[in-house]
Amino acid sequence: MNIKYTQDGFSLIELMISLTLGLLISAAVMQIYLTSVKTSSVQAGGTDILEASIFGIQNIEKSIRLSNLGMADTNNPFTPTAGLVMTSDSSLVSTTQTDKSKNNMNGIKMGGTKSSAGAEEITAGYLTRSGNQSTSSVNNAWKAGNSNITDLKSSQLTIQYEAPQNMYDCEGSLVRGPVEIDRDGRLTMIPGQVVIERYFLNEVTQSNKSNYESNIKSYELRCDAGRYIKEDLSTAELAAQEISGKDSTKLVATRNIRDFGDAGEVVIPRVDYFGVLLGVEVVATSPTNTSVSLRYFTPEQYMSFFENCSTGRIFRQRFYDNHDRRYICKTLSFSAS
């Protein structure tokens, strides 16, 4: 009797080959998947940064265009309520300045809340400053060293404007615009609240860093905003300009900034450097000619002109085109733009 044996299925070698091929194919598929996930994450991160930069810059531009709206007619460090905030009662143009009332925030204090008035001085750490000017040690105030660019220190920009209508500041707080109130039996329109905004770089805390940022310094552009009334209003008039149910519009005292001086809100993440230059229209006159030119200066350079003026001296300033021009302080004409 002949018995025939037949082989069913794979041999051991065939099985090992098929398993090896399957593992290789699975590994290739997994590698493609991981690469796709990583690429998608990088693209999403880049998109987030791009969108934040675009919309953040647009918001900053919108606020800068509003600066000085409803404020002083002239815009320099000596003018009270000027739109570009460079000086205050505790930080004047010069230590030799005789009339200390000539500053951008004369008689205005900060530190106010919805229930109490503040009595804090507005120090240099909350004003427009260049990166090479002295830094501040006050919490949340400007730190000049915040920069990832070698030999360059970031600036700070502080502006203010009168709200033309009910609107939101850079921190998302509602601000009251002009409102009609009853004053001694007569309907009177009072101006809107003044918005003061401070743009500065702040270092990202370790807990808020992503994995790839853990060993590097990372900064973000923040905006700190406050609100105040520059007109003298009675307690009843202050209450009348408050919007019912909106605590952010409540002010308990005039010439007292509420909610200013904190860490603010992030406007643009992952910023290496923030510099401020002021476009200045320089008018130079001579017996035979009058010339107008546009120059860009750092806040420190701009204030140095007025520091010389505060002593009443004639001074000489060398501009970037290497032409010397002499000015007398009383005829000096600057217009910030």
Protein backbone atom coordinates (compact mmCIF):
# COMPACT_ATOMS: atom_id res chain seq x y z
CA MET A 1 0.00 0.00 0.00
CA ASN A 2 1.48 3.29 -1.09
CA ILE A 3 0.70 6.31 1.12
CA LYS A 4 1.21 9.72 -0.47
CA TYR A 5 2.17 12.62 1.80
CA THR A 6 1.23 16.18 0.72
CA GLN A 7 2.45 19.48 2.23
CA ASP A 8 -0.15 22.11 3.14
CA GLY A 9 0.68 25.79 4.02
CA PHE A 10 4.08 27.50 4.23
CA SER A 11 7.33 25.94 5.03
CA LEU A 12 9.28 27.36 7.95
CA ILE A 13 11.56 29.37 5.66
CA GLU A 14 8.64 30.77 3.68
CA LEU A 15 6.89 31.76 6.90
CA MET A 16 9.98 33.59 8.19
CA ILE A 17 10.36 35.42 4.89
CA SER A 18 6.71 36.51 4.86
CA LEU A 19 6.88 37.72 8.47
CA THR A 20 10.04 39.70 7.73
CA LEU A 21 8.47 41.33 4.68
CA GLY A 22 5.36 42.17 6.71
CA LEU A 23 7.44 43.80 9.43
CA LEU A 24 9.38 45.85 6.89
CA ILE A 25 6.21 47.03 5.19
CA SER A 26 4.60 47.88 8.56
CA ALA A 27 7.72 49.81 9.63
CA ALA A 28 7.70 51.78 6.38
CA VAL A 29 4.02 52.64 6.78
CA MET A 30 4.60 53.70 10.41
CA GLN A 31 7.56 55.87 9.38
CA ILE A 32 5.49 57.59 6.72
CA TYR A 33 2.72 58.19 9.26
CA LEU A 34 5.09 59.65 11.88
CA THR A 35 6.73 61.88 9.28
CA SER A 36 3.30 63.12 8.16
CA VAL A 37 2.28 63.87 11.76
CA LYS A 38 5.51 65.77 12.40
CA THR A 39 5.18 67.73 9.16
CA SER A 40 1.57 68.56 9.99
CA SER A 41 2.56 69.76 13.47
CA VAL A 42 5.33 71.97 12.08
CA GLN A 43 2.99 73.43 9.47
CA ALA A 44 0.28 74.03 12.08
CA GLY A 45 2.79 75.76 14.35
CA GLY A 46 4.05 77.91 11.51
CA THR A 47 0.49 78.80 10.56
CA ASP A 48 -0.33 79.77 14.14
CA ILE A 49 2.74 82.02 14.35
CA LEU A 50 1.98 83.57 10.97
CA GLU A 51 -1.66 84.21 11.81
CA ALA A 52 -0.78 85.60 15.24
CA SER A 53 1.82 87.88 13.67
CA ILE A 54 -0.50 89.12 10.95
CA PHE A 55 -3.50 89.78 13.18
CA GLY A 56 -1.32 90.96 16.07
CA ILE A 57 0.44 93.54 13.92
CA GLN A 58 -2.91 94.67 12.52
CA ASN A 59 -4.25 95.21 16.04
CA ILE A 60 -1.13 97.13 17.06
CA GLU A 61 -1.36 99.26 13.92
CA LYS A 62 -5.00 100.02 14.68
CA SER A 63 -4.15 101.21 18.19
CA ILE A 64 -1.17 103.29 17.03
CA ARG A 65 -3.38 105.03 14.48
CA LEU A 66 -5.73 105.95 17.34
CA SER A 67 -2.93 107.32 19.54
CA ASN A 68 -3.40 110.97 20.56
CA LEU A 69 -7.05 110.93 19.41
CA GLY A 70 -8.90 113.43 21.59
CA MET A 71 -5.74 114.24 23.52
CA ALA A 72 -3.28 117.17 23.44
CA ASP A 73 -2.83 119.34 20.34
CA THR A 74 0.95 118.94 20.49
CA ASN A 75 2.83 115.73 21.11
CA ASN A 76 6.10 116.03 23.02
CA PRO A 77 7.48 115.06 26.47
CA PHE A 78 6.43 118.41 27.98
CA THR A 79 2.75 118.22 26.97
CA PRO A 80 0.17 116.90 29.48
CA THR A 81 -2.09 114.14 28.06
CA ALA A 82 0.01 113.70 24.91
CA GLY A 83 -0.70 110.56 22.92
CA LEU A 84 2.87 109.26 23.08
CA VAL A 85 3.53 108.70 26.78
CA MET A 86 7.19 109.39 27.60
CA THR A 87 7.13 111.34 30.88
CA SER A 88 5.22 111.42 34.17
CA ASP A 89 5.33 113.18 37.54
CA SER A 90 8.04 110.77 38.72
CA SER A 91 9.95 110.54 35.43
CA LEU A 92 10.64 113.90 33.81
CA VAL A 93 12.70 114.80 30.76
CA SER A 94 15.52 116.08 32.96
CA THR A 95 16.36 116.32 36.65
CA THR A 96 17.00 120.02 36.05
CA GLN A 97 13.48 120.63 34.74
CA THR A 98 12.03 123.53 36.74
CA ASP A 99 8.32 123.25 35.86
CA LYS A 100 7.56 119.69 36.94
CA SER A 101 3.93 119.97 35.81
CA LYS A 102 5.09 119.78 32.19
CA ASN A 103 4.88 116.05 31.58
CA ASN A 104 2.57 113.67 29.71
CA MET A 105 0.81 112.26 32.80
CA ASN A 106 0.70 115.29 35.09
CA GLY A 107 -1.42 114.62 38.17
CA ILE A 108 -2.44 111.14 37.00
CA LYS A 109 -1.96 108.09 39.23
CA MET A 110 -2.22 104.36 38.58
CA GLY A 111 -3.17 101.29 40.59
CA GLY A 112 -6.93 101.79 40.53
CA THR A 113 -9.48 98.95 40.54
CA LYS A 114 -13.23 98.76 40.03
CA SER A 115 -13.78 99.49 43.72
CA SER A 116 -10.89 101.75 44.77
CA ALA A 117 -8.70 104.54 43.47
CA GLY A 118 -4.97 104.00 43.16
CA ALA A 119 -2.20 106.27 44.39
CA GLU A 120 0.81 104.76 42.63
CA GLU A 121 3.23 106.93 40.69
CA ILE A 122 3.69 106.11 37.01
CA THR A 123 7.37 105.23 36.94
CA ALA A 124 9.72 105.03 33.95
CA GLY A 125 9.09 101.29 33.64
CA TYR A 126 5.60 102.00 32.28
CA LEU A 127 6.56 104.71 29.77
CA THR A 128 7.89 104.69 26.21
CA ARG A 129 11.56 103.75 26.43
CA SER A 130 14.51 102.70 24.28
CA GLY A 131 16.35 99.47 24.89
CA ASN A 132 19.53 101.18 26.05
CA GLN A 133 17.79 103.29 28.70
CA SER A 134 17.78 102.16 32.33
CA THR A 135 15.60 99.14 32.97
CA SER A 136 13.05 98.63 35.74
CA SER A 137 13.00 96.23 38.65
CA VAL A 138 9.26 96.64 39.29
CA ASN A 139 7.11 93.57 38.66
CA ASN A 140 5.50 93.56 35.20
CA ALA A 141 7.32 96.75 34.23
CA TRP A 142 9.52 96.97 31.16
CA LYS A 143 12.79 95.03 31.12
CA ALA A 144 15.21 96.33 28.49
CA GLY A 145 17.20 93.11 28.34
CA ASN A 146 14.35 91.08 26.85
CA SER A 147 15.74 90.27 23.42
CA ASN A 148 17.21 87.35 21.50
CA ILE A 149 19.19 89.64 19.18
CA THR A 150 22.84 90.13 20.13
CA ASP A 151 23.71 93.73 21.10
CA LEU A 152 20.09 94.85 20.71
CA LYS A 153 17.71 95.44 23.60
CA SER A 154 13.97 95.72 23.14
CA SER A 155 12.04 98.96 23.52
CA GLN A 156 8.65 99.69 25.06
CA LEU A 157 5.84 101.71 23.49
CA THR A 158 3.18 103.40 25.63
CA ILE A 159 0.38 105.31 23.92
CA GLN A 160 -2.99 106.73 24.92
CA TYR A 161 -6.12 107.88 23.17
CA GLU A 162 -9.71 108.81 23.91
CA ALA A 163 -12.23 106.12 23.01
CA PRO A 164 -14.30 107.49 20.09
CA GLN A 165 -17.09 105.00 20.85
CA ASN A 166 -17.71 101.94 22.99
CA MET A 167 -14.81 99.66 22.10
CA TYR A 168 -12.40 97.05 23.43
CA ASP A 169 -8.79 97.68 24.38
CA CYS A 170 -5.89 95.34 23.59
CA GLU A 171 -6.66 93.18 26.65
CA GLY A 172 -10.28 92.70 25.59
CA SER A 173 -11.80 94.99 28.23
CA LEU A 174 -14.78 97.10 27.24
CA VAL A 175 -14.12 100.86 27.22
CA ARG A 176 -16.85 103.48 27.44
CA GLY A 177 -17.07 105.99 24.59
CA PRO A 178 -18.64 109.47 24.74
CA VAL A 179 -21.89 109.57 26.68
CA GLU A 180 -24.60 112.16 27.28
CA ILE A 181 -25.32 112.87 30.95
CA ASP A 182 -27.56 115.19 32.93
CA ARG A 183 -25.46 118.00 34.41
CA ASP A 184 -27.42 120.55 36.43
CA GLY A 185 -30.57 119.90 34.44
CA ARG A 186 -28.82 120.14 31.07
CA LEU A 187 -27.82 117.30 28.79
CA THR A 188 -24.05 117.39 28.41
CA MET A 189 -21.81 115.18 26.31
CA ILE A 190 -18.72 114.00 28.17
CA PRO A 191 -15.77 112.52 26.27
CA GLY A 192 -15.02 108.82 26.27
CA GLN A 193 -12.64 107.11 28.65
CA VAL A 194 -8.94 107.39 27.90
CA VAL A 195 -7.24 104.14 26.92
CA ILE A 196 -3.57 103.78 27.80
CA GLU A 197 -1.76 100.82 26.22
CA ARG A 198 1.76 99.54 26.81
CA TYR A 199 3.49 97.19 24.33
CA PHE A 200 6.54 95.28 25.57
CA LEU A 201 8.38 91.95 25.41
CA ASN A 202 8.08 89.52 28.28
CA GLU A 203 9.90 86.23 28.76
CA VAL A 204 7.76 83.11 28.47
CA THR A 205 7.62 81.21 31.75
CA GLN A 206 9.05 77.69 31.82
CA SER A 207 5.63 76.13 32.41
CA ASN A 208 4.27 77.75 29.22
CA LYS A 209 7.13 76.67 26.96
CA SER A 210 6.82 73.86 24.45
CA ASN A 211 9.25 70.93 24.57
CA TYR A 212 11.64 72.35 21.98
CA GLU A 213 11.78 75.70 23.85
CA SER A 214 12.67 74.32 27.26
CA ASN A 215 16.38 75.17 26.98
CA ILE A 216 16.13 78.52 25.21
CA LYS A 217 14.85 81.97 26.08
CA SER A 218 11.55 82.70 24.41
CA TYR A 219 9.72 86.02 24.43
CA GLU A 220 6.23 87.18 23.57
CA LEU A 221 4.89 90.63 22.74
CA ARG A 222 2.34 91.64 25.34
CA CYS A 223 -0.04 94.56 25.76
CA ASP A 224 -1.02 96.00 29.14
CA ALA A 225 -4.03 98.34 29.00
CA GLY A 226 -5.76 100.64 31.46
CA ARG A 227 -8.54 103.21 31.44
CA TYR A 228 -9.14 106.58 33.07
CA ILE A 229 -11.09 109.82 32.77
CA LYS A 230 -9.05 113.00 32.29
CA GLU A 231 -11.94 115.41 32.90
CA ASP A 232 -13.08 116.42 36.39
CA LEU A 233 -16.35 114.58 37.00
CA SER A 234 -18.45 114.25 40.12
CA THR A 235 -19.13 110.88 41.70
CA ALA A 236 -22.63 110.87 40.19
CA GLU A 237 -21.25 111.73 36.74
CA LEU A 238 -18.68 108.95 37.00
CA ALA A 239 -21.46 106.52 37.85
CA ALA A 240 -23.54 107.78 34.91
CA GLN A 241 -20.83 106.93 32.37
CA GLU A 242 -20.66 103.32 33.56
CA ILE A 243 -22.31 100.71 31.33
CA SER A 244 -24.69 98.59 33.38
CA GLY A 245 -23.38 95.08 33.94
CA LYS A 246 -19.94 95.89 32.47
CA ASP A 247 -17.48 96.18 35.36
CA SER A 248 -14.60 97.22 33.12
CA THR A 249 -16.28 100.60 32.45
CA LYS A 250 -16.58 101.45 36.15
CA LEU A 251 -14.23 104.17 37.37
CA VAL A 252 -14.32 105.45 40.95
CA ALA A 253 -12.08 108.51 40.51
CA THR A 254 -10.95 110.86 37.75
CA ARG A 255 -7.33 111.08 36.60
CA ASN A 256 -6.74 107.64 38.07
CA ILE A 257 -5.81 104.71 35.82
CA ARG A 258 -7.59 101.44 36.43
CA ASP A 259 -6.14 97.97 35.69
CA PHE A 260 -2.79 99.31 34.43
CA GLY A 261 0.59 97.83 35.32
CA ASP A 262 -0.09 94.09 35.13
CA ALA A 263 1.47 91.49 32.83
CA GLY A 264 -1.12 92.18 30.12
CA GLU A 265 -2.18 89.79 27.38
CA VAL A 266 -0.15 88.10 24.65
CA VAL A 267 -0.44 89.89 21.29
CA ILE A 268 2.21 88.01 19.28
CA PRO A 269 4.03 84.89 20.55
CA ARG A 270 7.64 83.95 19.76
CA VAL A 271 9.06 87.43 19.21
CA ASP A 272 12.85 87.87 19.37
CA TYR A 273 13.04 91.67 19.41
CA PHE A 274 10.71 94.68 19.64
CA GLY A 275 12.13 98.05 18.62
CA VAL A 276 10.47 101.47 18.56
CA LEU A 277 11.42 104.33 16.24
CA LEU A 278 9.61 107.66 16.16
CA GLY A 279 9.04 109.40 12.85
CA VAL A 280 9.83 113.06 13.45
CA GLU A 281 9.24 115.98 11.12
CA VAL A 282 12.24 118.28 11.59
CA VAL A 283 11.81 121.90 10.52
CA ALA A 284 15.10 123.75 10.06
CA THR A 285 15.10 127.47 9.26
CA SER A 286 17.85 129.78 8.09
CA PRO A 287 17.87 133.38 6.85
CA THR A 288 17.50 132.14 3.28
CA ASN A 289 15.77 128.79 3.50
CA THR A 290 13.32 126.62 5.42
CA SER A 291 13.61 122.87 5.04
CA VAL A 292 11.39 120.08 6.31
CA SER A 293 12.70 116.55 6.57
CA LEU A 294 11.53 113.30 8.11
CA ARG A 295 13.89 111.55 10.51
CA TYR A 296 13.51 108.42 12.62
CA PHE A 297 14.81 108.46 16.18
CA THR A 298 14.74 106.16 19.15
CA PRO A 299 12.72 107.42 22.13
CA GLU A 300 15.99 108.19 23.91
CA GLN A 301 17.28 110.31 21.02
CA TYR A 302 13.94 112.10 20.72
CA MET A 303 13.85 112.95 24.42
CA SER A 304 17.46 114.16 24.33
CA PHE A 305 16.37 117.10 22.16
CA PHE A 306 13.95 118.23 24.84
CA GLU A 307 16.40 117.51 27.63
CA ASN A 308 18.63 120.19 26.13
CA CYS A 309 15.63 122.46 25.71
CA SER A 310 14.67 122.06 29.37
CA THR A 311 17.80 124.02 30.33
CA GLY A 312 17.19 126.71 27.72
CA ARG A 313 20.55 126.15 26.00
CA ILE A 314 21.34 126.36 22.32
CA PHE A 315 22.47 122.92 21.24
CA ARG A 316 23.83 121.13 18.21
CA GLN A 317 22.54 117.77 17.01
CA ARG A 318 24.18 115.71 14.26
CA PHE A 319 21.62 113.92 12.08
CA TYR A 320 22.11 110.79 10.04
CA ASP A 321 22.88 112.72 6.85
CA ASN A 322 25.93 114.18 8.62
CA HIS A 323 24.75 117.76 8.25
CA ASP A 324 25.01 119.90 11.38
CA ARG A 325 22.06 122.16 12.11
CA ARG A 326 21.68 124.60 14.95
CA TYR A 327 18.40 125.15 16.76
CA ILE A 328 17.21 127.50 19.43
CA CYS A 329 14.82 125.76 21.81
CA LYS A 330 12.02 128.28 21.58
CA THR A 331 11.95 127.94 17.78
CA LEU A 332 12.45 124.19 17.71
CA SER A 333 9.61 122.46 15.88
CA PHE A 334 8.99 118.74 16.28
CA SER A 335 5.88 116.87 15.21
CA ALA A 336 5.68 113.18 16.16
CA SER A 337 3.95 110.97 13.61
